[in-house]
Amino acid sequence: MRVNLTQDDSGQARNVQIGDEITVVLEENPTTGFRWHADIDPARLALTADSYQGPERPVGASGTRHLTFTVLQPGPVRLHLVKRRSWEQAVVAEFDAALDVVGG
């Protein structure tokens, strides 16, 4: 099954199954250096796709980051993303979802 999440889903809980694909779509403007980074347990969630879609004009306008994860193991898991510059530790935004994973 495919699960699509947006910033509106942050703070929510979801029931998913092993093998499900979860795609999170969040606003981003990479020209500022601020990008979304996954802060996850790689034994439970695998980042399988990471892409950016933005407008051609105006140059530097914001677009959306698409991060896709595959669920690997049963049990509770936290899907946590942070928006920061890669050379800094300061976080400017977060996405957080609690997943309850059951067998596939």
PDB file of N, CA and C in Angstrom:
ATOM      1  N   MET A   1       0.844  -1.173   0.000  1.00  0.00           N
ATOM      2  CA  MET A   1       0.000   0.000   0.000  1.00  0.00           C
ATOM      3  C   MET A   1       0.892   1.240   0.000  1.00  0.00           C
ATOM      4  N   ARG A   2       0.397   2.293  -0.583  1.00  0.00           N
ATOM      5  CA  ARG A   2       1.088   3.568  -0.639  1.00  0.00           C
ATOM      6  C   ARG A   2       0.388   4.554   0.293  1.00  0.00           C
ATOM      7  N   VAL A   3       1.176   5.224   1.134  1.00  0.00           N
ATOM      8  CA  VAL A   3       0.655   6.221   2.067  1.00  0.00           C
ATOM      9  C   VAL A   3       1.315   7.550   1.729  1.00  0.00           C
ATOM     10  N   ASN A   4       0.503   8.589   1.518  1.00  0.00           N
ATOM     11  CA  ASN A   4       1.023   9.919   1.209  1.00  0.00           C
ATOM     12  C   ASN A   4       0.751  10.845   2.387  1.00  0.00           C
ATOM     13  N   LEU A   5       1.798  11.541   2.836  1.00  0.00           N
ATOM     14  CA  LEU A   5       1.694  12.449   3.965  1.00  0.00           C
ATOM     15  C   LEU A   5       2.195  13.837   3.572  1.00  0.00           C
ATOM     16  N   THR A   6       1.647  14.868   4.223  1.00  0.00           N
ATOM     17  CA  THR A   6       2.082  16.253   4.035  1.00  0.00           C
ATOM     18  C   THR A   6       2.314  16.870   5.412  1.00  0.00           C
ATOM     19  N   GLN A   7       2.705  18.119   5.435  1.00  0.00           N
ATOM     20  CA  GLN A   7       2.950  18.817   6.706  1.00  0.00           C
ATOM     21  C   GLN A   7       1.721  18.759   7.604  1.00  0.00           C
ATOM     22  N   ASP A   8       0.524  18.740   7.030  1.00  0.00           N
ATOM     23  CA  ASP A   8      -0.708  18.657   7.823  1.00  0.00           C
ATOM     24  C   ASP A   8      -0.791  17.362   8.631  1.00  0.00           C
ATOM     25  N   ASP A   9      -0.052  16.321   8.225  1.00  0.00           N
ATOM     26  CA  ASP A   9      -0.071  15.037   8.917  1.00  0.00           C
ATOM     27  C   ASP A   9       0.949  14.950  10.047  1.00  0.00           C
ATOM     28  N   SER A  10       1.784  15.963  10.203  1.00  0.00           N
ATOM     29  CA  SER A  10       2.779  15.961  11.273  1.00  0.00           C
ATOM     30  C   SER A  10       2.078  15.926  12.622  1.00  0.00           C
ATOM     31  N   GLY A  11       2.597  15.078  13.513  1.00  0.00           N
ATOM     32  CA  GLY A  11       2.005  14.933  14.829  1.00  0.00           C
ATOM     33  C   GLY A  11       0.929  13.861  14.891  1.00  0.00           C
ATOM     34  N   GLN A  12       0.611  13.267  13.762  1.00  0.00           N
ATOM     35  CA  GLN A  12      -0.434  12.244  13.699  1.00  0.00           C
ATOM     36  C   GLN A  12       0.156  10.840  13.820  1.00  0.00           C
ATOM     37  N   ALA A  13      -0.707   9.882  14.108  1.00  0.00           N
ATOM     38  CA  ALA A  13      -0.335   8.470  14.148  1.00  0.00           C
ATOM     39  C   ALA A  13      -0.971   7.762  12.961  1.00  0.00           C
ATOM     40  N   ARG A  14      -0.253   6.783  12.416  1.00  0.00           N
ATOM     41  CA  ARG A  14      -0.745   6.014  11.261  1.00  0.00           C
ATOM     42  C   ARG A  14      -0.501   4.536  11.490  1.00  0.00           C
ATOM     43  N   ASN A  15      -1.423   3.726  11.015  1.00  0.00           N
ATOM     44  CA  ASN A  15      -1.239   2.282  11.003  1.00  0.00           C
ATOM     45  C   ASN A  15      -0.759   1.897   9.607  1.00  0.00           C
ATOM     46  N   VAL A  16       0.341   1.171   9.547  1.00  0.00           N
ATOM     47  CA  VAL A  16       0.903   0.735   8.264  1.00  0.00           C
ATOM     48  C   VAL A  16       1.342  -0.722   8.387  1.00  0.00           C
ATOM     49  N   GLN A  17       1.698  -1.307   7.250  1.00  0.00           N
ATOM     50  CA  GLN A  17       2.145  -2.692   7.226  1.00  0.00           C
ATOM     51  C   GLN A  17       3.562  -2.781   6.690  1.00  0.00           C
ATOM     52  N   ILE A  18       4.239  -3.870   7.025  1.00  0.00           N
ATOM     53  CA  ILE A  18       5.572  -4.112   6.473  1.00  0.00           C
ATOM     54  C   ILE A  18       5.465  -4.106   4.956  1.00  0.00           C
ATOM     55  N   GLY A  19       6.382  -3.417   4.303  1.00  0.00           N
ATOM     56  CA  GLY A  19       6.393  -3.322   2.848  1.00  0.00           C
ATOM     57  C   GLY A  19       5.671  -2.110   2.294  1.00  0.00           C
ATOM     58  N   ASP A  20       4.866  -1.429   3.122  1.00  0.00           N
ATOM     59  CA  ASP A  20       4.188  -0.215   2.654  1.00  0.00           C
ATOM     60  C   ASP A  20       5.209   0.853   2.287  1.00  0.00           C
ATOM     61  N   GLU A  21       4.850   1.678   1.304  1.00  0.00           N
ATOM     62  CA  GLU A  21       5.672   2.834   0.929  1.00  0.00           C
ATOM     63  C   GLU A  21       5.002   4.093   1.447  1.00  0.00           C
ATOM     64  N   ILE A  22       5.769   4.893   2.165  1.00  0.00           N
ATOM     65  CA  ILE A  22       5.268   6.145   2.726  1.00  0.00           C
ATOM     66  C   ILE A  22       5.995   7.286   2.043  1.00  0.00           C
ATOM     67  N   THR A  23       5.250   8.163   1.381  1.00  0.00           N
ATOM     68  CA  THR A  23       5.841   9.328   0.733  1.00  0.00           C
ATOM     69  C   THR A  23       5.416  10.576   1.493  1.00  0.00           C
ATOM     70  N   VAL A  24       6.410  11.356   1.903  1.00  0.00           N
ATOM     71  CA  VAL A  24       6.171  12.617   2.603  1.00  0.00           C
ATOM     72  C   VAL A  24       6.519  13.743   1.631  1.00  0.00           C
ATOM     73  N   VAL A  25       5.572  14.663   1.431  1.00  0.00           N
ATOM     74  CA  VAL A  25       5.767  15.801   0.521  1.00  0.00           C
ATOM     75  C   VAL A  25       5.741  17.069   1.364  1.00  0.00           C
ATOM     76  N   LEU A  26       6.868  17.800   1.362  1.00  0.00           N
ATOM     77  CA  LEU A  26       7.018  18.990   2.193  1.00  0.00           C
ATOM     78  C   LEU A  26       7.581  20.146   1.376  1.00  0.00           C
ATOM     79  N   GLU A  27       7.155  21.359   1.713  1.00  0.00           N
ATOM     80  CA  GLU A  27       7.680  22.542   1.039  1.00  0.00           C
ATOM     81  C   GLU A  27       9.146  22.720   1.365  1.00  0.00           C
ATOM     82  N   GLU A  28       9.902  23.151   0.341  1.00  0.00           N
ATOM     83  CA  GLU A  28      11.345  23.343   0.520  1.00  0.00           C
ATOM     84  C   GLU A  28      11.850  24.366  -0.490  1.00  0.00           C
ATOM     85  N   ASN A  29      12.863  25.119  -0.086  1.00  0.00           N
ATOM     86  CA  ASN A  29      13.545  26.039  -0.982  1.00  0.00           C
ATOM     87  C   ASN A  29      15.048  25.774  -0.849  1.00  0.00           C
ATOM     88  N   PRO A  30      15.575  24.811  -1.625  1.00  0.00           N
ATOM     89  CA  PRO A  30      16.968  24.400  -1.445  1.00  0.00           C
ATOM     90  C   PRO A  30      17.987  25.486  -1.774  1.00  0.00           C
ATOM     91  N   THR A  31      17.588  26.531  -2.503  1.00  0.00           N
ATOM     92  CA  THR A  31      18.557  27.586  -2.816  1.00  0.00           C
ATOM     93  C   THR A  31      18.979  28.344  -1.561  1.00  0.00           C
ATOM     94  N   THR A  32      18.197  28.243  -0.476  1.00  0.00           N
ATOM     95  CA  THR A  32      18.553  28.885   0.793  1.00  0.00           C
ATOM     96  C   THR A  32      19.483  28.001   1.625  1.00  0.00           C
ATOM     97  N   GLY A  33      19.656  26.752   1.181  1.00  0.00           N
ATOM     98  CA  GLY A  33      20.462  25.803   1.932  1.00  0.00           C
ATOM     99  C   GLY A  33      19.652  24.940   2.876  1.00  0.00           C
ATOM    100  N   PHE A  34      18.402  25.316   3.125  1.00  0.00           N
ATOM    101  CA  PHE A  34      17.557  24.539   4.032  1.00  0.00           C
ATOM    102  C   PHE A  34      16.890  23.400   3.264  1.00  0.00           C
ATOM    103  N   ARG A  35      17.199  22.166   3.705  1.00  0.00           N
ATOM    104  CA  ARG A  35      16.633  20.969   3.084  1.00  0.00           C
ATOM    105  C   ARG A  35      16.118  20.028   4.168  1.00  0.00           C
ATOM    106  N   TRP A  36      15.210  19.159   3.768  1.00  0.00           N
ATOM    107  CA  TRP A  36      14.686  18.144   4.685  1.00  0.00           C
ATOM    108  C   TRP A  36      15.649  16.970   4.755  1.00  0.00           C
ATOM    109  N   HIS A  37      15.906  16.503   5.985  1.00  0.00           N
ATOM    110  CA  HIS A  37      16.794  15.371   6.237  1.00  0.00           C
ATOM    111  C   HIS A  37      16.052  14.355   7.104  1.00  0.00           C
ATOM    112  N   ALA A  38      16.216  13.076   6.778  1.00  0.00           N
ATOM    113  CA  ALA A  38      15.577  12.012   7.549  1.00  0.00           C
ATOM    114  C   ALA A  38      16.367  11.731   8.817  1.00  0.00           C
ATOM    115  N   ASP A  39      15.659  11.654   9.924  1.00  0.00           N
ATOM    116  CA  ASP A  39      16.229  11.280  11.219  1.00  0.00           C
ATOM    117  C   ASP A  39      15.447  10.037  11.664  1.00  0.00           C
ATOM    118  N   ILE A  40      15.819   8.873  11.086  1.00  0.00           N
ATOM    119  CA  ILE A  40      15.037   7.647  11.258  1.00  0.00           C
ATOM    120  C   ILE A  40      15.933   6.486  11.682  1.00  0.00           C
ATOM    121  N   ASP A  41      15.297   5.413  12.104  1.00  0.00           N
ATOM    122  CA  ASP A  41      15.995   4.165  12.402  1.00  0.00           C
ATOM    123  C   ASP A  41      16.057   3.362  11.095  1.00  0.00           C
ATOM    124  N   PRO A  42      17.240   3.242  10.475  1.00  0.00           N
ATOM    125  CA  PRO A  42      17.340   2.569   9.174  1.00  0.00           C
ATOM    126  C   PRO A  42      17.027   1.073   9.228  1.00  0.00           C
ATOM    127  N   ALA A  43      16.962   0.504  10.419  1.00  0.00           N
ATOM    128  CA  ALA A  43      16.565  -0.902  10.533  1.00  0.00           C
ATOM    129  C   ALA A  43      15.045  -1.051  10.408  1.00  0.00           C
ATOM    130  N   ARG A  44      14.311   0.044  10.614  1.00  0.00           N
ATOM    131  CA  ARG A  44      12.851  -0.006  10.571  1.00  0.00           C
ATOM    132  C   ARG A  44      12.257   0.664   9.337  1.00  0.00           C
ATOM    133  N   LEU A  45      12.936   1.711   8.850  1.00  0.00           N
ATOM    134  CA  LEU A  45      12.482   2.445   7.660  1.00  0.00           C
ATOM    135  C   LEU A  45      13.661   2.627   6.722  1.00  0.00           C
ATOM    136  N   ALA A  46      13.438   2.377   5.445  1.00  0.00           N
ATOM    137  CA  ALA A  46      14.488   2.596   4.445  1.00  0.00           C
ATOM    138  C   ALA A  46      14.081   3.759   3.547  1.00  0.00           C
ATOM    139  N   LEU A  47      14.963   4.742   3.412  1.00  0.00           N
ATOM    140  CA  LEU A  47      14.738   5.836   2.473  1.00  0.00           C
ATOM    141  C   LEU A  47      14.998   5.296   1.074  1.00  0.00           C
ATOM    142  N   THR A  48      13.949   5.219   0.244  1.00  0.00           N
ATOM    143  CA  THR A  48      14.073   4.611  -1.073  1.00  0.00           C
ATOM    144  C   THR A  48      14.021   5.616  -2.220  1.00  0.00           C
ATOM    145  N   ALA A  49      13.575   6.844  -1.940  1.00  0.00           N
ATOM    146  CA  ALA A  49      13.551   7.873  -2.989  1.00  0.00           C
ATOM    147  C   ALA A  49      13.594   9.248  -2.338  1.00  0.00           C
ATOM    148  N   ASP A  50      14.309  10.171  -2.995  1.00  0.00           N
ATOM    149  CA  ASP A  50      14.445  11.539  -2.513  1.00  0.00           C
ATOM    150  C   ASP A  50      14.521  12.427  -3.739  1.00  0.00           C
ATOM    151  N   SER A  51      13.488  13.249  -3.963  1.00  0.00           N
ATOM    152  CA  SER A  51      13.485  14.116  -5.143  1.00  0.00           C
ATOM    153  C   SER A  51      12.908  15.484  -4.792  1.00  0.00           C
ATOM    154  N   TYR A  52      13.246  16.450  -5.628  1.00  0.00           N
ATOM    155  CA  TYR A  52      12.761  17.816  -5.463  1.00  0.00           C
ATOM    156  C   TYR A  52      12.044  18.232  -6.739  1.00  0.00           C
ATOM    157  N   GLN A  53      10.882  18.861  -6.577  1.00  0.00           N
ATOM    158  CA  GLN A  53      10.148  19.398  -7.724  1.00  0.00           C
ATOM    159  C   GLN A  53       9.900  20.876  -7.472  1.00  0.00           C
ATOM    160  N   GLY A  54      10.430  21.697  -8.362  1.00  0.00           N
ATOM    161  CA  GLY A  54      10.272  23.131  -8.203  1.00  0.00           C
ATOM    162  C   GLY A  54       9.935  23.792  -9.526  1.00  0.00           C
ATOM    163  N   PRO A  55       9.425  25.007  -9.471  1.00  0.00           N
ATOM    164  CA  PRO A  55       9.094  25.733 -10.694  1.00  0.00           C
ATOM    165  C   PRO A  55      10.358  26.224 -11.401  1.00  0.00           C
ATOM    166  N   GLU A  56      10.258  26.379 -12.707  1.00  0.00           N
ATOM    167  CA  GLU A  56      11.393  26.920 -13.470  1.00  0.00           C
ATOM    168  C   GLU A  56      11.507  28.428 -13.274  1.00  0.00           C
ATOM    169  N   ARG A  57      10.415  29.087 -13.054  1.00  0.00           N
ATOM    170  CA  ARG A  57      10.390  30.532 -12.852  1.00  0.00           C
ATOM    171  C   ARG A  57       9.511  30.860 -11.673  1.00  0.00           C
ATOM    172  N   PRO A  58       9.797  31.822 -10.874  1.00  0.00           N
ATOM    173  CA  PRO A  58      11.054  32.546 -10.874  1.00  0.00           C
ATOM    174  C   PRO A  58      12.166  31.681 -10.282  1.00  0.00           C
ATOM    175  N   VAL A  59      13.375  31.950 -10.731  1.00  0.00           N
ATOM    176  CA  VAL A  59      14.526  31.220 -10.235  1.00  0.00           C
ATOM    177  C   VAL A  59      14.635  31.418  -8.723  1.00  0.00           C
ATOM    178  N   GLY A  60      14.851  30.329  -7.993  1.00  0.00           N
ATOM    179  CA  GLY A  60      14.964  30.401  -6.542  1.00  0.00           C
ATOM    180  C   GLY A  60      13.648  30.254  -5.797  1.00  0.00           C
ATOM    181  N   ALA A  61      12.536  30.100  -6.523  1.00  0.00           N
ATOM    182  CA  ALA A  61      11.247  29.926  -5.854  1.00  0.00           C
ATOM    183  C   ALA A  61      11.189  28.559  -5.182  1.00  0.00           C
ATOM    184  N   SER A  62      10.369  28.451  -4.165  1.00  0.00           N
ATOM    185  CA  SER A  62      10.284  27.180  -3.445  1.00  0.00           C
ATOM    186  C   SER A  62       9.463  26.157  -4.222  1.00  0.00           C
ATOM    187  N   GLY A  63       9.701  24.900  -3.857  1.00  0.00           N
ATOM    188  CA  GLY A  63       8.988  23.788  -4.460  1.00  0.00           C
ATOM    189  C   GLY A  63       8.679  22.767  -3.387  1.00  0.00           C
ATOM    190  N   THR A  64       8.714  21.497  -3.755  1.00  0.00           N
ATOM    191  CA  THR A  64       8.405  20.446  -2.786  1.00  0.00           C
ATOM    192  C   THR A  64       9.455  19.341  -2.815  1.00  0.00           C
ATOM    193  N   ARG A  65       9.788  18.846  -1.625  1.00  0.00           N
ATOM    194  CA  ARG A  65      10.679  17.697  -1.460  1.00  0.00           C
ATOM    195  C   ARG A  65       9.794  16.473  -1.286  1.00  0.00           C
ATOM    196  N   HIS A  66      10.096  15.397  -2.015  1.00  0.00           N
ATOM    197  CA  HIS A  66       9.367  14.131  -1.937  1.00  0.00           C
ATOM    198  C   HIS A  66      10.327  13.082  -1.384  1.00  0.00           C
ATOM    199  N   LEU A  67      10.038  12.577  -0.185  1.00  0.00           N
ATOM    200  CA  LEU A  67      10.852  11.549   0.455  1.00  0.00           C
ATOM    201  C   LEU A  67       9.996  10.291   0.599  1.00  0.00           C
ATOM    202  N   THR A  68      10.484   9.174   0.062  1.00  0.00           N
ATOM    203  CA  THR A  68       9.733   7.920   0.132  1.00  0.00           C
ATOM    204  C   THR A  68      10.498   6.914   0.978  1.00  0.00           C
ATOM    205  N   PHE A  69       9.775   6.276   1.881  1.00  0.00           N
ATOM    206  CA  PHE A  69      10.333   5.293   2.800  1.00  0.00           C
ATOM    207  C   PHE A  69       9.586   3.978   2.640  1.00  0.00           C
ATOM    208  N   THR A  70      10.303   2.866   2.822  1.00  0.00           N
ATOM    209  CA  THR A  70       9.679   1.552   2.863  1.00  0.00           C
ATOM    210  C   THR A  70       9.750   1.039   4.292  1.00  0.00           C
ATOM    211  N   VAL A  71       8.621   0.514   4.771  1.00  0.00           N
ATOM    212  CA  VAL A  71       8.528  -0.013   6.132  1.00  0.00           C
ATOM    213  C   VAL A  71       9.152  -1.409   6.155  1.00  0.00           C
ATOM    214  N   LEU A  72      10.090  -1.640   7.089  1.00  0.00           N
ATOM    215  CA  LEU A  72      10.862  -2.882   7.114  1.00  0.00           C
ATOM    216  C   LEU A  72      10.516  -3.848   8.243  1.00  0.00           C
ATOM    217  N   GLN A  73      10.120  -3.334   9.427  1.00  0.00           N
ATOM    218  CA  GLN A  73       9.921  -4.198  10.588  1.00  0.00           C
ATOM    219  C   GLN A  73       8.641  -3.829  11.328  1.00  0.00           C
ATOM    220  N   PRO A  74       8.045  -4.816  12.024  1.00  0.00           N
ATOM    221  CA  PRO A  74       6.835  -4.527  12.807  1.00  0.00           C
ATOM    222  C   PRO A  74       7.163  -3.779  14.088  1.00  0.00           C
ATOM    223  N   GLY A  75       6.126  -3.179  14.655  1.00  0.00           N
ATOM    224  CA  GLY A  75       6.266  -2.462  15.922  1.00  0.00           C
ATOM    225  C   GLY A  75       6.148  -0.963  15.724  1.00  0.00           C
ATOM    226  N   PRO A  76       6.237  -0.221  16.811  1.00  0.00           N
ATOM    227  CA  PRO A  76       6.148   1.242  16.709  1.00  0.00           C
ATOM    228  C   PRO A  76       7.431   1.820  16.108  1.00  0.00           C
ATOM    229  N   VAL A  77       7.280   2.807  15.259  1.00  0.00           N
ATOM    230  CA  VAL A  77       8.434   3.472  14.649  1.00  0.00           C
ATOM    231  C   VAL A  77       8.105   4.957  14.466  1.00  0.00           C
ATOM    232  N   ARG A  78       9.117   5.770  14.600  1.00  0.00           N
ATOM    233  CA  ARG A  78       8.968   7.224  14.460  1.00  0.00           C
ATOM    234  C   ARG A  78       9.513   7.649  13.095  1.00  0.00           C
ATOM    235  N   LEU A  79       8.682   8.340  12.333  1.00  0.00           N
ATOM    236  CA  LEU A  79       9.119   8.942  11.069  1.00  0.00           C
ATOM    237  C   LEU A  79       9.381  10.415  11.369  1.00  0.00           C
ATOM    238  N   HIS A  80      10.665  10.757  11.491  1.00  0.00           N
ATOM    239  CA  HIS A  80      11.052  12.103  11.914  1.00  0.00           C
ATOM    240  C   HIS A  80      11.937  12.727  10.839  1.00  0.00           C
ATOM    241  N   LEU A  81      11.547  13.910  10.392  1.00  0.00           N
ATOM    242  CA  LEU A  81      12.312  14.667   9.401  1.00  0.00           C
ATOM    243  C   LEU A  81      12.609  16.038   9.983  1.00  0.00           C
ATOM    244  N   VAL A  82      13.799  16.545   9.678  1.00  0.00           N
ATOM    245  CA  VAL A  82      14.182  17.874  10.146  1.00  0.00           C
ATOM    246  C   VAL A  82      14.628  18.721   8.954  1.00  0.00           C
ATOM    247  N   LYS A  83      14.298  19.986   9.019  1.00  0.00           N
ATOM    248  CA  LYS A  83      14.698  20.928   7.966  1.00  0.00           C
ATOM    249  C   LYS A  83      15.831  21.779   8.521  1.00  0.00           C
ATOM    250  N   ARG A  84      16.992  21.666   7.877  1.00  0.00           N
ATOM    251  CA  ARG A  84      18.178  22.394   8.335  1.00  0.00           C
ATOM    252  C   ARG A  84      19.165  22.486   7.180  1.00  0.00           C
ATOM    253  N   ARG A  85      20.172  23.313   7.395  1.00  0.00           N
ATOM    254  CA  ARG A  85      21.284  23.364   6.450  1.00  0.00           C
ATOM    255  C   ARG A  85      22.228  22.219   6.765  1.00  0.00           C
ATOM    256  N   SER A  86      22.814  21.604   5.757  1.00  0.00           N
ATOM    257  CA  SER A  86      23.660  20.428   5.967  1.00  0.00           C
ATOM    258  C   SER A  86      24.898  20.747   6.794  1.00  0.00           C
ATOM    259  N   TRP A  87      25.334  21.992   6.794  1.00  0.00           N
ATOM    260  CA  TRP A  87      26.545  22.369   7.535  1.00  0.00           C
ATOM    261  C   TRP A  87      26.225  22.932   8.920  1.00  0.00           C
ATOM    262  N   GLU A  88      24.945  22.960   9.287  1.00  0.00           N
ATOM    263  CA  GLU A  88      24.537  23.457  10.599  1.00  0.00           C
ATOM    264  C   GLU A  88      23.674  22.417  11.310  1.00  0.00           C
ATOM    265  N   GLN A  89      23.647  22.469  12.627  1.00  0.00           N
ATOM    266  CA  GLN A  89      22.805  21.563  13.406  1.00  0.00           C
ATOM    267  C   GLN A  89      21.456  22.185  13.780  1.00  0.00           C
ATOM    268  N   ALA A  90      21.333  23.514  13.620  1.00  0.00           N
ATOM    269  CA  ALA A  90      20.093  24.197  13.997  1.00  0.00           C
ATOM    270  C   ALA A  90      18.947  23.770  13.077  1.00  0.00           C
ATOM    271  N   VAL A  91      17.853  23.337  13.680  1.00  0.00           N
ATOM    272  CA  VAL A  91      16.670  22.876  12.958  1.00  0.00           C
ATOM    273  C   VAL A  91      15.662  24.018  12.886  1.00  0.00           C
ATOM    274  N   VAL A  92      15.119  24.277  11.683  1.00  0.00           N
ATOM    275  CA  VAL A  92      14.136  25.352  11.528  1.00  0.00           C
ATOM    276  C   VAL A  92      12.709  24.829  11.413  1.00  0.00           C
ATOM    277  N   ALA A  93      12.539  23.530  11.104  1.00  0.00           N
ATOM    278  CA  ALA A  93      11.203  22.930  11.022  1.00  0.00           C
ATOM    279  C   ALA A  93      11.335  21.421  11.199  1.00  0.00           C
ATOM    280  N   GLU A  94      10.246  20.793  11.629  1.00  0.00           N
ATOM    281  CA  GLU A  94      10.245  19.350  11.829  1.00  0.00           C
ATOM    282  C   GLU A  94       8.954  18.744  11.300  1.00  0.00           C
ATOM    283  N   PHE A  95       9.049  17.484  10.907  1.00  0.00           N
ATOM    284  CA  PHE A  95       7.902  16.651  10.578  1.00  0.00           C
ATOM    285  C   PHE A  95       8.028  15.400  11.424  1.00  0.00           C
ATOM    286  N   ASP A  96       6.951  14.988  12.054  1.00  0.00           N
ATOM    287  CA  ASP A  96       7.016  13.842  12.938  1.00  0.00           C
ATOM    288  C   ASP A  96       5.712  13.054  12.841  1.00  0.00           C
ATOM    289  N   ALA A  97       5.805  11.759  12.582  1.00  0.00           N
ATOM    290  CA  ALA A  97       4.632  10.889  12.548  1.00  0.00           C
ATOM    291  C   ALA A  97       4.950   9.602  13.290  1.00  0.00           C
ATOM    292  N   ALA A  98       4.007   9.137  14.090  1.00  0.00           N
ATOM    293  CA  ALA A  98       4.152   7.872  14.810  1.00  0.00           C
ATOM    294  C   ALA A  98       3.504   6.782  13.956  1.00  0.00           C
ATOM    295  N   LEU A  99       4.279   5.745  13.647  1.00  0.00           N
ATOM    296  CA  LEU A  99       3.767   4.658  12.836  1.00  0.00           C
ATOM    297  C   LEU A  99       3.634   3.401  13.688  1.00  0.00           C
ATOM    298  N   ASP A 100       2.496   2.741  13.565  1.00  0.00           N
ATOM    299  CA  ASP A 100       2.306   1.445  14.209  1.00  0.00           C
ATOM    300  C   ASP A 100       2.312   0.417  13.095  1.00  0.00           C
ATOM    301  N   VAL A 101       3.400  -0.359  13.035  1.00  0.00           N
ATOM    302  CA  VAL A 101       3.622  -1.272  11.927  1.00  0.00           C
ATOM    303  C   VAL A 101       3.190  -2.683  12.318  1.00  0.00           C
ATOM    304  N   VAL A 102       2.325  -3.268  11.494  1.00  0.00           N
ATOM    305  CA  VAL A 102       1.926  -4.658  11.678  1.00  0.00           C
ATOM    306  C   VAL A 102       2.484  -5.479  10.530  1.00  0.00           C
ATOM    307  N   GLY A 103       2.521  -6.793  10.688  1.00  0.00           N
ATOM    308  CA  GLY A 103       3.063  -7.673   9.652  1.00  0.00           C
ATOM    309  C   GLY A 103       2.374  -7.490   8.321  1.00  0.00           C
ATOM    310  N   GLY A 104       3.106  -7.740   7.246  1.00  0.00           N
ATOM    311  CA  GLY A 104       2.580  -7.539   5.895  1.00  0.00           C
ATOM    312  C   GLY A 104       1.965  -8.740   5.400  1.00  0.00           C
TER     313      GLY A 104
END
